[in-house]
Amino acid sequence: MTTLPGGWALTMTTPIGRIEAEATFTADAHVFTRTAAGKGETVALSDIRSEPAEGGGEHVTWTQSITKPMRLNLDFDVGIDGDEMRGFSRAGRLPRSVVVGRRLPTSV
């Protein structure tokens, strides 16, 4: 069973500074979809893949394109352990950026 679905508060430490965003993932018949919002824009996430990670937890990858603060295509590669997400994002040949996240509480 995947632990990915839900809302996540993400922080990316990039060469141009710290960027915060919220990502929301949903699963329908094992197909993941959703969006990320931050820096004044909301973008679709694509190619979302999830599989069990070695040693437990979950390994997740996805891509997204942003236009703010500049136009970039981003590739994410993270691990999820409970309510924490850690990993990296990369934009083309730029150095990879550290990504950390925490699950947002669900509203009742």
N, C-alpha and C. Protein backbone atom coordinates (compact mmCIF):
# COMPACT_ATOMS: atom_id res chain seq x y z
N MET A 1 0.85 -1.19 0.00
CA MET A 1 0.00 0.00 0.00
C MET A 1 0.89 1.24 0.00
N THR A 2 0.58 2.18 -0.85
CA THR A 2 1.38 3.39 -0.98
C THR A 2 1.03 4.40 0.11
N THR A 3 2.04 5.13 0.56
CA THR A 3 1.83 6.19 1.55
C THR A 3 1.84 7.57 0.92
N LEU A 4 1.97 7.63 -0.40
CA LEU A 4 2.10 8.90 -1.10
C LEU A 4 0.86 9.79 -1.07
N PRO A 5 -0.36 9.27 -1.33
CA PRO A 5 -1.51 10.18 -1.45
C PRO A 5 -1.69 11.12 -0.26
N GLY A 6 -2.07 12.36 -0.59
CA GLY A 6 -2.29 13.39 0.41
C GLY A 6 -1.54 14.65 0.06
N GLY A 7 -1.55 15.59 0.99
CA GLY A 7 -0.85 16.85 0.81
C GLY A 7 0.51 16.82 1.46
N TRP A 8 1.48 17.47 0.84
CA TRP A 8 2.86 17.52 1.32
C TRP A 8 3.38 18.95 1.25
N ALA A 9 3.98 19.42 2.34
CA ALA A 9 4.68 20.71 2.36
C ALA A 9 6.13 20.41 1.99
N LEU A 10 6.60 20.98 0.88
CA LEU A 10 7.95 20.71 0.38
C LEU A 10 8.84 21.94 0.51
N THR A 11 10.10 21.70 0.80
CA THR A 11 11.12 22.75 0.79
C THR A 11 12.27 22.26 -0.07
N MET A 12 12.63 23.06 -1.08
CA MET A 12 13.75 22.74 -1.95
C MET A 12 14.86 23.75 -1.71
N THR A 13 16.06 23.26 -1.44
CA THR A 13 17.22 24.12 -1.27
C THR A 13 17.95 24.13 -2.60
N THR A 14 17.86 25.26 -3.33
CA THR A 14 18.38 25.35 -4.70
C THR A 14 19.52 26.36 -4.78
N PRO A 15 20.24 26.38 -5.91
CA PRO A 15 21.30 27.38 -6.09
C PRO A 15 20.77 28.82 -6.06
N ILE A 16 19.47 29.02 -6.31
CA ILE A 16 18.92 30.39 -6.29
C ILE A 16 18.17 30.69 -4.99
N GLY A 17 18.28 29.79 -4.03
CA GLY A 17 17.64 30.01 -2.73
C GLY A 17 16.67 28.92 -2.37
N ARG A 18 16.00 29.14 -1.27
CA ARG A 18 15.04 28.18 -0.73
C ARG A 18 13.67 28.41 -1.36
N ILE A 19 13.05 27.35 -1.83
CA ILE A 19 11.73 27.42 -2.45
C ILE A 19 10.78 26.51 -1.69
N GLU A 20 9.62 27.04 -1.34
CA GLU A 20 8.62 26.24 -0.65
C GLU A 20 7.42 26.05 -1.56
N ALA A 21 6.81 24.87 -1.49
CA ALA A 21 5.65 24.55 -2.31
C ALA A 21 4.81 23.50 -1.59
N GLU A 22 3.59 23.37 -2.03
CA GLU A 22 2.73 22.30 -1.54
C GLU A 22 2.39 21.40 -2.71
N ALA A 23 2.55 20.10 -2.51
CA ALA A 23 2.20 19.12 -3.53
C ALA A 23 1.05 18.27 -2.99
N THR A 24 0.11 17.97 -3.86
CA THR A 24 -1.01 17.12 -3.50
C THR A 24 -1.07 15.96 -4.47
N PHE A 25 -1.07 14.75 -3.93
CA PHE A 25 -1.11 13.54 -4.75
C PHE A 25 -2.41 12.79 -4.48
N THR A 26 -3.01 12.27 -5.53
CA THR A 26 -4.18 11.40 -5.39
C THR A 26 -3.91 10.12 -6.17
N ALA A 27 -4.57 9.06 -5.79
CA ALA A 27 -4.42 7.78 -6.48
C ALA A 27 -5.79 7.28 -6.89
N ASP A 28 -5.91 6.89 -8.14
CA ASP A 28 -7.15 6.32 -8.64
C ASP A 28 -6.76 5.10 -9.46
N ALA A 29 -7.10 3.93 -8.97
CA ALA A 29 -6.75 2.67 -9.64
C ALA A 29 -5.24 2.59 -9.89
N HIS A 30 -4.46 2.95 -8.88
CA HIS A 30 -3.00 2.88 -8.92
C HIS A 30 -2.35 3.85 -9.91
N VAL A 31 -3.11 4.85 -10.37
CA VAL A 31 -2.57 5.89 -11.22
C VAL A 31 -2.52 7.17 -10.40
N PHE A 32 -1.36 7.75 -10.26
CA PHE A 32 -1.19 8.96 -9.47
C PHE A 32 -1.35 10.19 -10.33
N THR A 33 -2.01 11.20 -9.79
CA THR A 33 -2.13 12.49 -10.47
C THR A 33 -2.01 13.57 -9.42
N ARG A 34 -1.78 14.79 -9.86
CA ARG A 34 -1.89 15.92 -8.96
C ARG A 34 -1.10 17.12 -9.39
N THR A 35 -1.05 18.08 -8.45
CA THR A 35 -0.44 19.38 -8.73
C THR A 35 0.50 19.80 -7.62
N ALA A 36 1.30 20.80 -7.93
CA ALA A 36 2.14 21.46 -6.94
C ALA A 36 1.90 22.96 -7.07
N ALA A 37 1.85 23.65 -5.93
CA ALA A 37 1.61 25.09 -5.93
C ALA A 37 2.71 25.78 -5.14
N GLY A 38 3.23 26.85 -5.72
CA GLY A 38 4.27 27.64 -5.07
C GLY A 38 4.74 28.75 -5.97
N LYS A 39 5.28 29.80 -5.40
CA LYS A 39 5.80 30.93 -6.18
C LYS A 39 4.76 31.52 -7.13
N GLY A 40 3.49 31.52 -6.71
CA GLY A 40 2.47 32.15 -7.52
C GLY A 40 1.96 31.37 -8.70
N GLU A 41 2.24 30.07 -8.78
CA GLU A 41 1.72 29.27 -9.87
C GLU A 41 1.40 27.86 -9.38
N THR A 42 0.46 27.22 -10.06
CA THR A 42 0.10 25.83 -9.79
C THR A 42 0.38 25.05 -11.05
N VAL A 43 1.13 23.96 -10.93
CA VAL A 43 1.52 23.17 -12.10
C VAL A 43 1.13 21.72 -11.91
N ALA A 44 0.94 21.03 -13.01
CA ALA A 44 0.62 19.60 -12.99
C ALA A 44 1.90 18.80 -12.77
N LEU A 45 1.77 17.71 -12.03
CA LEU A 45 2.86 16.75 -11.88
C LEU A 45 2.61 15.63 -12.88
N SER A 46 3.66 15.10 -13.47
CA SER A 46 3.48 14.03 -14.45
C SER A 46 4.48 12.91 -14.20
N ASP A 47 4.25 11.81 -14.87
CA ASP A 47 5.13 10.63 -14.77
C ASP A 47 5.38 10.23 -13.31
N ILE A 48 4.34 10.26 -12.50
CA ILE A 48 4.48 9.93 -11.08
C ILE A 48 4.59 8.42 -10.95
N ARG A 49 5.65 7.97 -10.30
CA ARG A 49 5.87 6.54 -10.11
C ARG A 49 6.22 6.29 -8.64
N SER A 50 5.67 5.21 -8.12
CA SER A 50 5.89 4.86 -6.73
C SER A 50 6.15 3.36 -6.63
N GLU A 51 7.14 3.00 -5.81
CA GLU A 51 7.45 1.59 -5.59
C GLU A 51 8.05 1.44 -4.21
N PRO A 52 7.98 0.24 -3.64
CA PRO A 52 8.60 0.03 -2.33
C PRO A 52 10.09 0.31 -2.40
N ALA A 53 10.61 0.94 -1.36
CA ALA A 53 12.05 1.24 -1.31
C ALA A 53 12.79 0.13 -0.60
N GLU A 54 14.04 -0.07 -0.97
CA GLU A 54 14.86 -1.04 -0.26
C GLU A 54 14.98 -0.60 1.18
N GLY A 55 14.81 -1.50 2.10
CA GLY A 55 14.92 -1.16 3.51
C GLY A 55 13.65 -0.57 4.10
N GLY A 56 12.57 -0.54 3.32
CA GLY A 56 11.30 -0.03 3.81
C GLY A 56 10.98 1.34 3.26
N GLY A 57 9.77 1.77 3.47
CA GLY A 57 9.32 3.06 2.96
C GLY A 57 8.94 2.97 1.50
N GLU A 58 9.01 4.09 0.83
CA GLU A 58 8.53 4.19 -0.55
C GLU A 58 9.48 5.06 -1.37
N HIS A 59 9.74 4.68 -2.61
CA HIS A 59 10.56 5.45 -3.53
C HIS A 59 9.63 6.06 -4.56
N VAL A 60 9.67 7.40 -4.73
CA VAL A 60 8.75 8.11 -5.62
C VAL A 60 9.54 9.02 -6.56
N THR A 61 9.13 9.03 -7.82
CA THR A 61 9.71 9.96 -8.80
C THR A 61 8.57 10.65 -9.53
N TRP A 62 8.82 11.89 -9.97
CA TRP A 62 7.86 12.61 -10.81
C TRP A 62 8.58 13.75 -11.51
N THR A 63 7.90 14.33 -12.51
CA THR A 63 8.43 15.48 -13.22
C THR A 63 7.40 16.61 -13.17
N GLN A 64 7.89 17.82 -13.32
CA GLN A 64 7.01 18.98 -13.42
C GLN A 64 7.76 20.10 -14.12
N SER A 65 7.00 20.99 -14.74
CA SER A 65 7.56 22.16 -15.42
C SER A 65 7.07 23.39 -14.70
N ILE A 66 7.97 24.32 -14.43
CA ILE A 66 7.62 25.58 -13.76
C ILE A 66 8.03 26.75 -14.64
N THR A 67 7.45 27.91 -14.38
CA THR A 67 7.84 29.13 -15.09
C THR A 67 8.32 30.20 -14.13
N LYS A 68 8.13 30.00 -12.82
CA LYS A 68 8.57 30.98 -11.82
C LYS A 68 9.44 30.29 -10.79
N PRO A 69 10.55 30.77 -10.40
CA PRO A 69 11.09 32.08 -10.77
C PRO A 69 11.70 32.11 -12.16
N MET A 70 11.86 30.93 -12.80
CA MET A 70 12.32 30.85 -14.19
C MET A 70 11.77 29.57 -14.80
N ARG A 71 11.79 29.48 -16.12
CA ARG A 71 11.26 28.30 -16.80
C ARG A 71 12.24 27.13 -16.64
N LEU A 72 11.75 26.05 -15.99
CA LEU A 72 12.58 24.87 -15.76
C LEU A 72 11.71 23.62 -15.84
N ASN A 73 12.33 22.53 -16.29
CA ASN A 73 11.72 21.20 -16.21
C ASN A 73 12.44 20.47 -15.08
N LEU A 74 11.69 20.02 -14.09
CA LEU A 74 12.28 19.42 -12.90
C LEU A 74 11.98 17.93 -12.82
N ASP A 75 12.98 17.16 -12.39
CA ASP A 75 12.83 15.74 -12.12
C ASP A 75 13.04 15.52 -10.63
N PHE A 76 12.07 14.89 -9.97
CA PHE A 76 12.14 14.63 -8.54
C PHE A 76 12.40 13.16 -8.28
N ASP A 77 13.20 12.87 -7.26
CA ASP A 77 13.51 11.51 -6.84
C ASP A 77 13.60 11.54 -5.32
N VAL A 78 12.56 11.01 -4.65
CA VAL A 78 12.47 11.12 -3.20
C VAL A 78 12.12 9.78 -2.57
N GLY A 79 12.39 9.70 -1.28
CA GLY A 79 11.97 8.56 -0.48
C GLY A 79 10.98 9.04 0.57
N ILE A 80 10.00 8.20 0.87
CA ILE A 80 9.02 8.52 1.90
C ILE A 80 9.14 7.49 3.00
N ASP A 81 9.22 8.00 4.23
CA ASP A 81 9.24 7.15 5.41
C ASP A 81 8.22 7.75 6.38
N GLY A 82 7.06 7.14 6.47
CA GLY A 82 5.99 7.67 7.32
C GLY A 82 5.48 8.99 6.78
N ASP A 83 5.62 10.05 7.58
CA ASP A 83 5.13 11.37 7.19
C ASP A 83 6.25 12.30 6.74
N GLU A 84 7.41 11.72 6.40
CA GLU A 84 8.55 12.52 5.95
C GLU A 84 8.99 12.10 4.55
N MET A 85 9.40 13.10 3.78
CA MET A 85 9.88 12.90 2.41
C MET A 85 11.27 13.53 2.32
N ARG A 86 12.21 12.81 1.73
CA ARG A 86 13.57 13.33 1.55
C ARG A 86 14.11 12.85 0.21
N GLY A 87 14.83 13.73 -0.46
CA GLY A 87 15.44 13.34 -1.72
C GLY A 87 15.99 14.54 -2.46
N PHE A 88 15.87 14.49 -3.79
CA PHE A 88 16.49 15.51 -4.63
C PHE A 88 15.60 15.85 -5.81
N SER A 89 15.82 17.04 -6.35
CA SER A 89 15.25 17.42 -7.64
C SER A 89 16.41 17.91 -8.51
N ARG A 90 16.20 17.81 -9.81
CA ARG A 90 17.25 18.25 -10.74
C ARG A 90 16.58 18.93 -11.93
N ALA A 91 17.19 20.01 -12.37
CA ALA A 91 16.73 20.74 -13.55
C ALA A 91 17.83 20.65 -14.60
N GLY A 92 17.67 19.74 -15.54
CA GLY A 92 18.66 19.59 -16.61
C GLY A 92 20.04 19.33 -16.06
N ARG A 93 21.01 20.16 -16.49
CA ARG A 93 22.41 19.98 -16.07
C ARG A 93 22.76 20.76 -14.81
N LEU A 94 21.79 21.47 -14.25
CA LEU A 94 22.04 22.21 -13.02
C LEU A 94 22.30 21.24 -11.87
N PRO A 95 23.02 21.68 -10.83
CA PRO A 95 23.24 20.80 -9.68
C PRO A 95 21.91 20.38 -9.07
N ARG A 96 21.89 19.19 -8.50
CA ARG A 96 20.65 18.74 -7.89
C ARG A 96 20.38 19.54 -6.62
N SER A 97 19.10 19.66 -6.29
CA SER A 97 18.66 20.41 -5.12
C SER A 97 18.08 19.44 -4.09
N VAL A 98 18.34 19.71 -2.83
CA VAL A 98 17.80 18.89 -1.75
C VAL A 98 16.32 19.19 -1.58
N VAL A 99 15.51 18.14 -1.45
CA VAL A 99 14.07 18.26 -1.22
C VAL A 99 13.73 17.58 0.09
N VAL A 100 13.04 18.28 0.96
CA VAL A 100 12.49 17.68 2.18
C VAL A 100 11.01 18.04 2.24
N GLY A 101 10.24 17.14 2.80
CA GLY A 101 8.80 17.39 2.90
C GLY A 101 8.21 16.74 4.11
N ARG A 102 7.06 17.25 4.49
CA ARG A 102 6.31 16.63 5.58
C ARG A 102 4.85 16.58 5.16
N ARG A 103 4.19 15.52 5.59
CA ARG A 103 2.78 15.34 5.23
C ARG A 103 1.95 16.40 5.94
N LEU A 104 1.03 17.00 5.20
CA LEU A 104 0.11 17.99 5.78
C LEU A 104 -1.03 17.26 6.46
N PRO A 105 -1.53 17.80 7.57
CA PRO A 105 -2.67 17.16 8.23
C PRO A 105 -3.88 17.16 7.30
N THR A 106 -4.66 16.10 7.37
CA THR A 106 -5.87 16.03 6.58
C THR A 106 -6.98 16.77 7.31
N SER A 107 -7.82 17.45 6.54
CA SER A 107 -8.93 18.17 7.16
C SER A 107 -10.07 17.19 7.42
N VAL A 108 -10.78 17.44 8.48
CA VAL A 108 -11.86 16.53 8.88
C VAL A 108 -13.17 17.03 8.37
